[in-house]
Amino acid sequence: RRRGTGREAAAAATSLLITEFERRKVLYRAVL
């Protein structure tokens, strides 16, 4: 956000989050 846009920041953050949930989907499916 300091050098780019809010959309770029949201895209990067969402990508990390989805990658983590996909990698350990069985764990998060059970937890949630």
Full PDB file with SEQRES, HELIX, SHEET, SSBOND, CRYST1, ORIGX, SCALE, CONECT and MASTER records, all heavy atoms in Angstrom:
SEQRES   1 A   32  ARG ARG ARG GLY THR GLY ARG GLU ALA ALA ALA ALA ALA          
SEQRES   2 A   32  THR SER LEU LEU ILE THR GLU PHE GLU ARG ARG LYS VAL          
SEQRES   3 A   32  LEU TYR ARG ALA VAL LEU                                      
HELIX    1 AA1 GLY A    6  ARG A   23  1                                  18    
HELIX    2 AA2 LYS A   25  VAL A   31  1                                   7    
CRYST1    1.000    1.000    1.000  90.00  90.00  90.00 P 1           1          
ORIGX1      1.000000  0.000000  0.000000        0.00000                         
ORIGX2      0.000000  1.000000  0.000000        0.00000                         
ORIGX3      0.000000  0.000000  1.000000        0.00000                         
SCALE1      1.000000  0.000000  0.000000        0.00000                         
SCALE2      0.000000  1.000000  0.000000        0.00000                         
SCALE3      0.000000  0.000000  1.000000        0.00000                         
ATOM      1  N   ARG A   1       0.819  -1.218   0.000  1.00  0.00           N  
ATOM      2  CA  ARG A   1       0.000   0.000   0.000  1.00  0.00           C  
ATOM      3  C   ARG A   1       0.852   1.266   0.000  1.00  0.00           C  
ATOM      4  O   ARG A   1       0.402   2.315  -0.457  1.00  0.00           O  
ATOM      5  CB  ARG A   1      -0.947  -0.004   1.197  1.00  0.00           C  
ATOM      6  CG  ARG A   1      -2.125  -0.970   1.035  1.00  0.00           C  
ATOM      7  CD  ARG A   1      -3.038  -0.978   2.243  1.00  0.00           C  
ATOM      8  NE  ARG A   1      -4.063  -2.003   2.123  1.00  0.00           N  
ATOM      9  CZ  ARG A   1      -5.220  -1.839   1.478  1.00  0.00           C  
ATOM     10  NH1 ARG A   1      -5.506  -0.680   0.925  1.00  0.00           N  
ATOM     11  NH2 ARG A   1      -6.084  -2.820   1.407  1.00  0.00           N  
ATOM     12  N   ARG A   2       2.073   1.172   0.510  1.00  0.00           N  
ATOM     13  CA  ARG A   2       2.946   2.358   0.509  1.00  0.00           C  
ATOM     14  C   ARG A   2       3.379   2.748  -0.906  1.00  0.00           C  
ATOM     15  O   ARG A   2       3.592   3.916  -1.199  1.00  0.00           O  
ATOM     16  CB  ARG A   2       4.178   2.107   1.389  1.00  0.00           C  
ATOM     17  CG  ARG A   2       3.927   2.336   2.877  1.00  0.00           C  
ATOM     18  CD  ARG A   2       5.232   2.460   3.633  1.00  0.00           C  
ATOM     19  NE  ARG A   2       5.986   1.220   3.630  1.00  0.00           N  
ATOM     20  CZ  ARG A   2       5.877   0.279   4.576  1.00  0.00           C  
ATOM     21  NH1 ARG A   2       5.042   0.443   5.590  1.00  0.00           N  
ATOM     22  NH2 ARG A   2       6.599  -0.815   4.505  1.00  0.00           N  
ATOM     23  N   ARG A   3       3.513   1.745  -1.777  1.00  0.00           N  
ATOM     24  CA  ARG A   3       4.018   2.047  -3.126  1.00  0.00           C  
ATOM     25  C   ARG A   3       3.045   1.666  -4.231  1.00  0.00           C  
ATOM     26  O   ARG A   3       3.247   2.042  -5.393  1.00  0.00           O  
ATOM     27  CB  ARG A   3       5.345   1.304  -3.361  1.00  0.00           C  
ATOM     28  CG  ARG A   3       5.203  -0.208  -3.394  1.00  0.00           C  
ATOM     29  CD  ARG A   3       6.538  -0.888  -3.682  1.00  0.00           C  
ATOM     30  NE  ARG A   3       6.394  -2.312  -3.900  1.00  0.00           N  
ATOM     31  CZ  ARG A   3       6.380  -3.235  -2.961  1.00  0.00           C  
ATOM     32  NH1 ARG A   3       6.528  -2.858  -1.693  1.00  0.00           N  
ATOM     33  NH2 ARG A   3       6.239  -4.517  -3.239  1.00  0.00           N  
ATOM     34  N   GLY A   4       2.013   0.898  -3.906  1.00  0.00           N  
ATOM     35  CA  GLY A   4       1.062   0.432  -4.908  1.00  0.00           C  
ATOM     36  C   GLY A   4      -0.360   0.782  -4.533  1.00  0.00           C  
ATOM     37  O   GLY A   4      -0.613   1.740  -3.804  1.00  0.00           O  
ATOM     38  N   THR A   5      -1.302  -0.021  -5.030  1.00  0.00           N  
ATOM     39  CA  THR A   5      -2.716   0.257  -4.809  1.00  0.00           C  
ATOM     40  C   THR A   5      -3.324  -0.721  -3.807  1.00  0.00           C  
ATOM     41  O   THR A   5      -2.759  -1.778  -3.516  1.00  0.00           O  
ATOM     42  CB  THR A   5      -3.487   0.135  -6.130  1.00  0.00           C  
ATOM     43  OG1 THR A   5      -3.473  -1.236  -6.569  1.00  0.00           O  
ATOM     44  CG2 THR A   5      -2.874   1.009  -7.207  1.00  0.00           C  
ATOM     45  N   GLY A   6      -4.491  -0.355  -3.311  1.00  0.00           N  
ATOM     46  CA  GLY A   6      -5.213  -1.242  -2.416  1.00  0.00           C  
ATOM     47  C   GLY A   6      -5.591  -2.543  -3.098  1.00  0.00           C  
ATOM     48  O   GLY A   6      -5.592  -3.609  -2.460  1.00  0.00           O  
ATOM     49  N   ARG A   7      -5.902  -2.481  -4.367  1.00  0.00           N  
ATOM     50  CA  ARG A   7      -6.250  -3.703  -5.105  1.00  0.00           C  
ATOM     51  C   ARG A   7      -5.067  -4.654  -5.182  1.00  0.00           C  
ATOM     52  O   ARG A   7      -5.217  -5.868  -5.038  1.00  0.00           O  
ATOM     53  CB  ARG A   7      -6.753  -3.350  -6.509  1.00  0.00           C  
ATOM     54  CG  ARG A   7      -7.314  -4.542  -7.270  1.00  0.00           C  
ATOM     55  CD  ARG A   7      -8.049  -4.099  -8.516  1.00  0.00           C  
ATOM     56  NE  ARG A   7      -9.194  -3.257  -8.193  1.00  0.00           N  
ATOM     57  CZ  ARG A   7     -10.379  -3.728  -7.804  1.00  0.00           C  
ATOM     58  NH1 ARG A   7     -10.564  -5.032  -7.673  1.00  0.00           N  
ATOM     59  NH2 ARG A   7     -11.362  -2.897  -7.538  1.00  0.00           N  
ATOM     60  N   GLU A   8      -3.878  -4.118  -5.418  1.00  0.00           N  
ATOM     61  CA  GLU A   8      -2.673  -4.954  -5.469  1.00  0.00           C  
ATOM     62  C   GLU A   8      -2.385  -5.581  -4.113  1.00  0.00           C  
ATOM     63  O   GLU A   8      -2.016  -6.764  -4.014  1.00  0.00           O  
ATOM     64  CB  GLU A   8      -1.482  -4.112  -5.918  1.00  0.00           C  
ATOM     65  CG  GLU A   8      -1.555  -3.677  -7.375  1.00  0.00           C  
ATOM     66  CD  GLU A   8      -0.506  -2.638  -7.729  1.00  0.00           C  
ATOM     67  OE1 GLU A   8       0.034  -1.981  -6.805  1.00  0.00           O  
ATOM     68  OE2 GLU A   8      -0.239  -2.475  -8.933  1.00  0.00           O  
ATOM     69  N   ALA A   9      -2.560  -4.798  -3.050  1.00  0.00           N  
ATOM     70  CA  ALA A   9      -2.334  -5.316  -1.702  1.00  0.00           C  
ATOM     71  C   ALA A   9      -3.329  -6.417  -1.365  1.00  0.00           C  
ATOM     72  O   ALA A   9      -2.957  -7.463  -0.820  1.00  0.00           O  
ATOM     73  CB  ALA A   9      -2.442  -4.178  -0.684  1.00  0.00           C  
ATOM     74  N   ALA A  10      -4.599  -6.200  -1.690  1.00  0.00           N  
ATOM     75  CA  ALA A  10      -5.636  -7.193  -1.412  1.00  0.00           C  
ATOM     76  C   ALA A  10      -5.393  -8.466  -2.197  1.00  0.00           C  
ATOM     77  O   ALA A  10      -5.592  -9.581  -1.690  1.00  0.00           O  
ATOM     78  CB  ALA A  10      -7.010  -6.618  -1.730  1.00  0.00           C  
ATOM     79  N   ALA A  11      -4.950  -8.334  -3.444  1.00  0.00           N  
ATOM     80  CA  ALA A  11      -4.685  -9.502  -4.279  1.00  0.00           C  
ATOM     81  C   ALA A  11      -3.545 -10.343  -3.701  1.00  0.00           C  
ATOM     82  O   ALA A  11      -3.629 -11.577  -3.647  1.00  0.00           O  
ATOM     83  CB  ALA A  11      -4.349  -9.069  -5.705  1.00  0.00           C  
ATOM     84  N   ALA A  12      -2.486  -9.684  -3.252  1.00  0.00           N  
ATOM     85  CA  ALA A  12      -1.345 -10.398  -2.689  1.00  0.00           C  
ATOM     86  C   ALA A  12      -1.726 -11.108  -1.391  1.00  0.00           C  
ATOM     87  O   ALA A  12      -1.364 -12.270  -1.170  1.00  0.00           O  
ATOM     88  CB  ALA A  12      -0.190  -9.429  -2.445  1.00  0.00           C  
ATOM     89  N   ALA A  13      -2.457 -10.407  -0.536  1.00  0.00           N  
ATOM     90  CA  ALA A  13      -2.876 -10.988   0.738  1.00  0.00           C  
ATOM     91  C   ALA A  13      -3.824 -12.162   0.524  1.00  0.00           C  
ATOM     92  O   ALA A  13      -3.690 -13.220   1.162  1.00  0.00           O  
ATOM     93  CB  ALA A  13      -3.544  -9.922   1.602  1.00  0.00           C  
ATOM     94  N   THR A  14      -4.782 -11.997  -0.378  1.00  0.00           N  
ATOM     95  CA  THR A  14      -5.743 -13.060  -0.647  1.00  0.00           C  
ATOM     96  C   THR A  14      -5.065 -14.283  -1.247  1.00  0.00           C  
ATOM     97  O   THR A  14      -5.415 -15.422  -0.933  1.00  0.00           O  
ATOM     98  CB  THR A  14      -6.846 -12.553  -1.602  1.00  0.00           C  
ATOM     99  OG1 THR A  14      -7.442 -11.388  -1.053  1.00  0.00           O  
ATOM    100  CG2 THR A  14      -7.912 -13.610  -1.805  1.00  0.00           C  
ATOM    101  N   SER A  15      -4.082 -14.071  -2.093  1.00  0.00           N  
ATOM    102  CA  SER A  15      -3.349 -15.172  -2.702  1.00  0.00           C  
ATOM    103  C   SER A  15      -2.642 -16.016  -1.643  1.00  0.00           C  
ATOM    104  O   SER A  15      -2.692 -17.253  -1.673  1.00  0.00           O  
ATOM    105  CB  SER A  15      -2.329 -14.637  -3.708  1.00  0.00           C  
ATOM    106  OG  SER A  15      -1.575 -15.688  -4.266  1.00  0.00           O  
ATOM    107  N   LEU A  16      -1.980 -15.362  -0.691  1.00  0.00           N  
ATOM    108  CA  LEU A  16      -1.315 -16.085   0.395  1.00  0.00           C  
ATOM    109  C   LEU A  16      -2.317 -16.879   1.225  1.00  0.00           C  
ATOM    110  O   LEU A  16      -2.062 -18.037   1.599  1.00  0.00           O  
ATOM    111  CB  LEU A  16      -0.555 -15.106   1.295  1.00  0.00           C  
ATOM    112  CG  LEU A  16       0.741 -14.513   0.760  1.00  0.00           C  
ATOM    113  CD1 LEU A  16       1.330 -13.545   1.771  1.00  0.00           C  
ATOM    114  CD2 LEU A  16       1.748 -15.617   0.438  1.00  0.00           C  
ATOM    115  N   LEU A  17      -3.444 -16.273   1.512  1.00  0.00           N  
ATOM    116  CA  LEU A  17      -4.458 -16.914   2.334  1.00  0.00           C  
ATOM    117  C   LEU A  17      -5.045 -18.140   1.634  1.00  0.00           C  
ATOM    118  O   LEU A  17      -5.186 -19.213   2.241  1.00  0.00           O  
ATOM    119  CB  LEU A  17      -5.560 -15.906   2.664  1.00  0.00           C  
ATOM    120  CG  LEU A  17      -6.567 -16.288   3.743  1.00  0.00           C  
ATOM    121  CD1 LEU A  17      -5.867 -16.586   5.060  1.00  0.00           C  
ATOM    122  CD2 LEU A  17      -7.573 -15.165   3.923  1.00  0.00           C  
ATOM    123  N   ILE A  18      -5.371 -18.004   0.361  1.00  0.00           N  
ATOM    124  CA  ILE A  18      -5.947 -19.124  -0.382  1.00  0.00           C  
ATOM    125  C   ILE A  18      -4.935 -20.267  -0.512  1.00  0.00           C  
ATOM    126  O   ILE A  18      -5.283 -21.442  -0.377  1.00  0.00           O  
ATOM    127  CB  ILE A  18      -6.414 -18.655  -1.773  1.00  0.00           C  
ATOM    128  CG1 ILE A  18      -7.621 -17.726  -1.627  1.00  0.00           C  
ATOM    129  CG2 ILE A  18      -6.770 -19.846  -2.671  1.00  0.00           C  
ATOM    130  CD1 ILE A  18      -8.054 -17.074  -2.931  1.00  0.00           C  
ATOM    131  N   THR A  19      -3.672 -19.930  -0.745  1.00  0.00           N  
ATOM    132  CA  THR A  19      -2.630 -20.949  -0.839  1.00  0.00           C  
ATOM    133  C   THR A  19      -2.527 -21.760   0.444  1.00  0.00           C  
ATOM    134  O   THR A  19      -2.412 -22.987   0.424  1.00  0.00           O  
ATOM    135  CB  THR A  19      -1.271 -20.301  -1.165  1.00  0.00           C  
ATOM    136  OG1 THR A  19      -1.357 -19.644  -2.435  1.00  0.00           O  
ATOM    137  CG2 THR A  19      -0.167 -21.337  -1.218  1.00  0.00           C  
ATOM    138  N   GLU A  20      -2.572 -21.068   1.585  1.00  0.00           N  
ATOM    139  CA  GLU A  20      -2.505 -21.753   2.874  1.00  0.00           C  
ATOM    140  C   GLU A  20      -3.716 -22.646   3.088  1.00  0.00           C  
ATOM    141  O   GLU A  20      -3.592 -23.797   3.504  1.00  0.00           O  
ATOM    142  CB  GLU A  20      -2.392 -20.726   3.997  1.00  0.00           C  
ATOM    143  CG  GLU A  20      -2.552 -21.291   5.409  1.00  0.00           C  
ATOM    144  CD  GLU A  20      -1.451 -22.263   5.801  1.00  0.00           C  
ATOM    145  OE1 GLU A  20      -0.378 -22.274   5.160  1.00  0.00           O  
ATOM    146  OE2 GLU A  20      -1.668 -23.031   6.763  1.00  0.00           O  
ATOM    147  N   PHE A  21      -4.910 -22.155   2.795  1.00  0.00           N  
ATOM    148  CA  PHE A  21      -6.124 -22.951   2.998  1.00  0.00           C  
ATOM    149  C   PHE A  21      -6.168 -24.147   2.049  1.00  0.00           C  
ATOM    150  O   PHE A  21      -6.634 -25.219   2.426  1.00  0.00           O  
ATOM    151  CB  PHE A  21      -7.369 -22.083   2.833  1.00  0.00           C  
ATOM    152  CG  PHE A  21      -7.812 -21.422   4.093  1.00  0.00           C  
ATOM    153  CD1 PHE A  21      -7.074 -20.382   4.645  1.00  0.00           C  
ATOM    154  CD2 PHE A  21      -8.953 -21.847   4.763  1.00  0.00           C  
ATOM    155  CE1 PHE A  21      -7.472 -19.768   5.833  1.00  0.00           C  
ATOM    156  CE2 PHE A  21      -9.348 -21.240   5.944  1.00  0.00           C  
ATOM    157  CZ  PHE A  21      -8.610 -20.206   6.484  1.00  0.00           C  
ATOM    158  N   GLU A  22      -5.681 -23.974   0.843  1.00  0.00           N  
ATOM    159  CA  GLU A  22      -5.664 -25.090  -0.102  1.00  0.00           C  
ATOM    160  C   GLU A  22      -4.651 -26.148   0.325  1.00  0.00           C  
ATOM    161  O   GLU A  22      -4.912 -27.352   0.222  1.00  0.00           O  
ATOM    162  CB  GLU A  22      -5.325 -24.592  -1.507  1.00  0.00           C  
ATOM    163  CG  GLU A  22      -5.372 -25.694  -2.556  1.00  0.00           C  
ATOM    164  CD  GLU A  22      -5.041 -25.187  -3.942  1.00  0.00           C  
ATOM    165  OE1 GLU A  22      -4.245 -24.228  -4.055  1.00  0.00           O  
ATOM    166  OE2 GLU A  22      -5.584 -25.738  -4.921  1.00  0.00           O  
ATOM    167  N   ARG A  23      -3.528 -25.713   0.833  1.00  0.00           N  
ATOM    168  CA  ARG A  23      -2.464 -26.644   1.214  1.00  0.00           C  
ATOM    169  C   ARG A  23      -2.895 -27.540   2.378  1.00  0.00           C  
ATOM    170  O   ARG A  23      -2.576 -28.723   2.407  1.00  0.00           O  
ATOM    171  CB  ARG A  23      -1.215 -25.850   1.604  1.00  0.00           C  
ATOM    172  CG  ARG A  23      -0.063 -26.724   2.027  1.00  0.00           C  
ATOM    173  CD  ARG A  23       1.143 -25.902   2.392  1.00  0.00           C  
ATOM    174  NE  ARG A  23       2.245 -26.752   2.805  1.00  0.00           N  
ATOM    175  CZ  ARG A  23       3.406 -26.294   3.256  1.00  0.00           C  
ATOM    176  NH1 ARG A  23       3.602 -24.989   3.337  1.00  0.00           N  
ATOM    177  NH2 ARG A  23       4.357 -27.126   3.619  1.00  0.00           N  
ATOM    178  N   ARG A  24      -3.614 -26.963   3.331  1.00  0.00           N  
ATOM    179  CA  ARG A  24      -4.025 -27.735   4.510  1.00  0.00           C  
ATOM    180  C   ARG A  24      -5.544 -27.760   4.615  1.00  0.00           C  
ATOM    181  O   ARG A  24      -6.116 -27.549   5.677  1.00  0.00           O  
ATOM    182  CB  ARG A  24      -3.396 -27.121   5.762  1.00  0.00           C  
ATOM    183  CG  ARG A  24      -1.865 -27.113   5.718  1.00  0.00           C  
ATOM    184  CD  ARG A  24      -1.271 -26.686   7.051  1.00  0.00           C  
ATOM    185  NE  ARG A  24       0.172 -26.763   7.020  1.00  0.00           N  
ATOM    186  CZ  ARG A  24       0.987 -25.719   6.810  1.00  0.00           C  
ATOM    187  NH1 ARG A  24       0.474 -24.517   6.614  1.00  0.00           N  
ATOM    188  NH2 ARG A  24       2.297 -25.872   6.796  1.00  0.00           N  
ATOM    189  N   LYS A  25      -6.181 -28.041   3.495  1.00  0.00           N  
ATOM    190  CA  LYS A  25      -7.641 -27.944   3.426  1.00  0.00           C  
ATOM    191  C   LYS A  25      -8.347 -28.881   4.393  1.00  0.00           C  
ATOM    192  O   LYS A  25      -9.395 -28.528   4.947  1.00  0.00           O  
ATOM    193  CB  LYS A  25      -8.126 -28.189   1.998  1.00  0.00           C  
ATOM    194  CG  LYS A  25      -7.737 -29.536   1.418  1.00  0.00           C  
ATOM    195  CD  LYS A  25      -8.173 -29.639  -0.046  1.00  0.00           C  
ATOM    196  CE  LYS A  25      -7.709 -30.947  -0.672  1.00  0.00           C  
ATOM    197  NZ  LYS A  25      -8.089 -31.023  -2.104  1.00  0.00           N  
ATOM    198  N   VAL A  26      -7.804 -30.080   4.627  1.00  0.00           N  
ATOM    199  CA  VAL A  26      -8.462 -31.013   5.544  1.00  0.00           C  
ATOM    200  C   VAL A  26      -8.471 -30.448   6.957  1.00  0.00           C  
ATOM    201  O   VAL A  26      -9.469 -30.531   7.672  1.00  0.00           O  
ATOM    202  CB  VAL A  26      -7.768 -32.390   5.514  1.00  0.00           C  
ATOM    203  CG1 VAL A  26      -8.389 -33.322   6.547  1.00  0.00           C  
ATOM    204  CG2 VAL A  26      -7.875 -33.009   4.127  1.00  0.00           C  
ATOM    205  N   LEU A  27      -7.365 -29.853   7.365  1.00  0.00           N  
ATOM    206  CA  LEU A  27      -7.280 -29.257   8.700  1.00  0.00           C  
ATOM    207  C   LEU A  27      -8.273 -28.117   8.847  1.00  0.00           C  
ATOM    208  O   LEU A  27      -9.062 -28.078   9.795  1.00  0.00           O  
ATOM    209  CB  LEU A  27      -5.860 -28.745   8.950  1.00  0.00           C  
ATOM    210  CG  LEU A  27      -5.650 -27.948  10.244  1.00  0.00           C  
ATOM    211  CD1 LEU A  27      -5.933 -28.801  11.465  1.00  0.00           C  
ATOM    212  CD2 LEU A  27      -4.229 -27.377  10.295  1.00  0.00           C  
ATOM    213  N   TYR A  28      -8.282 -27.184   7.890  1.00  0.00           N  
ATOM    214  CA  TYR A  28      -9.161 -26.022   8.014  1.00  0.00           C  
ATOM    215  C   TYR A  28     -10.632 -26.390   7.818  1.00  0.00           C  
ATOM    216  O   TYR A  28     -11.504 -25.784   8.419  1.00  0.00           O  
ATOM    217  CB  TYR A  28      -8.727 -24.935   7.027  1.00  0.00           C  
ATOM    218  CG  TYR A  28      -7.371 -24.374   7.354  1.00  0.00           C  
ATOM    219  CD1 TYR A  28      -6.300 -24.496   6.470  1.00  0.00           C  
ATOM    220  CD2 TYR A  28      -7.134 -23.742   8.575  1.00  0.00           C  
ATOM    221  CE1 TYR A  28      -5.047 -23.994   6.788  1.00  0.00           C  
ATOM    222  CE2 TYR A  28      -5.888 -23.245   8.892  1.00  0.00           C  
ATOM    223  CZ  TYR A  28      -4.850 -23.376   7.991  1.00  0.00           C  
ATOM    224  OH  TYR A  28      -3.603 -22.886   8.324  1.00  0.00           O  
ATOM    225  N   ARG A  29     -10.878 -27.394   7.010  1.00  0.00           N  
ATOM    226  CA  ARG A  29     -12.261 -27.842   6.842  1.00  0.00           C  
ATOM    227  C   ARG A  29     -12.800 -28.385   8.165  1.00  0.00           C  
ATOM    228  O   ARG A  29     -13.945 -28.130   8.536  1.00  0.00           O  
ATOM    229  CB  ARG A  29     -12.323 -28.912   5.752  1.00  0.00           C  
ATOM    230  CG  ARG A  29     -13.728 -29.263   5.304  1.00  0.00           C  
ATOM    231  CD  ARG A  29     -13.689 -29.947   3.953  1.00  0.00           C  
ATOM    232  NE  ARG A  29     -12.822 -31.118   3.956  1.00  0.00           N  
ATOM    233  CZ  ARG A  29     -12.093 -31.504   2.913  1.00  0.00           C  
ATOM    234  NH1 ARG A  29     -12.092 -30.796   1.789  1.00  0.00           N  
ATOM    235  NH2 ARG A  29     -11.345 -32.584   2.978  1.00  0.00           N  
ATOM    236  N   ALA A  30     -11.957 -29.135   8.879  1.00  0.00           N  
ATOM    237  CA  ALA A  30     -12.377 -29.671  10.168  1.00  0.00           C  
ATOM    238  C   ALA A  30     -12.521 -28.572  11.213  1.00  0.00           C  
ATOM    239  O   ALA A  30     -13.490 -28.527  11.973  1.00  0.00           O  
ATOM    240  CB  ALA A  30     -11.371 -30.717  10.652  1.00  0.00           C  
ATOM    241  N   VAL A  31     -11.563 -27.649  11.220  1.00  0.00           N  
ATOM    242  CA  VAL A  31     -11.552 -26.582  12.224  1.00  0.00           C  
ATOM    243  C   VAL A  31     -12.718 -25.625  12.042  1.00  0.00           C  
ATOM    244  O   VAL A  31     -13.343 -25.180  13.014  1.00  0.00           O  
ATOM    245  CB  VAL A  31     -10.212 -25.827  12.168  1.00  0.00           C  
ATOM    246  CG1 VAL A  31     -10.280 -24.532  12.957  1.00  0.00           C  
ATOM    247  CG2 VAL A  31      -9.091 -26.707  12.699  1.00  0.00           C  
ATOM    248  N   LEU A  32     -13.048 -25.307  10.795  1.00  0.00           N  
ATOM    249  CA  LEU A  32     -14.120 -24.356  10.533  1.00  0.00           C  
ATOM    250  C   LEU A  32     -15.486 -25.016  10.457  1.00  0.00           C  
ATOM    251  O   LEU A  32     -16.500 -24.335  10.341  1.00  0.00           O  
ATOM    252  CB  LEU A  32     -13.839 -23.596   9.231  1.00  0.00           C  
ATOM    253  CG  LEU A  32     -12.580 -22.730   9.247  1.00  0.00           C  
ATOM    254  CD1 LEU A  32     -12.326 -22.139   7.873  1.00  0.00           C  
ATOM    255  CD2 LEU A  32     -12.695 -21.637  10.293  1.00  0.00           C  
TER     256      LEU A  32                                                      
MASTER        0    0    0    2    0    0    0    6  255    1    0    3          
END                                                                             
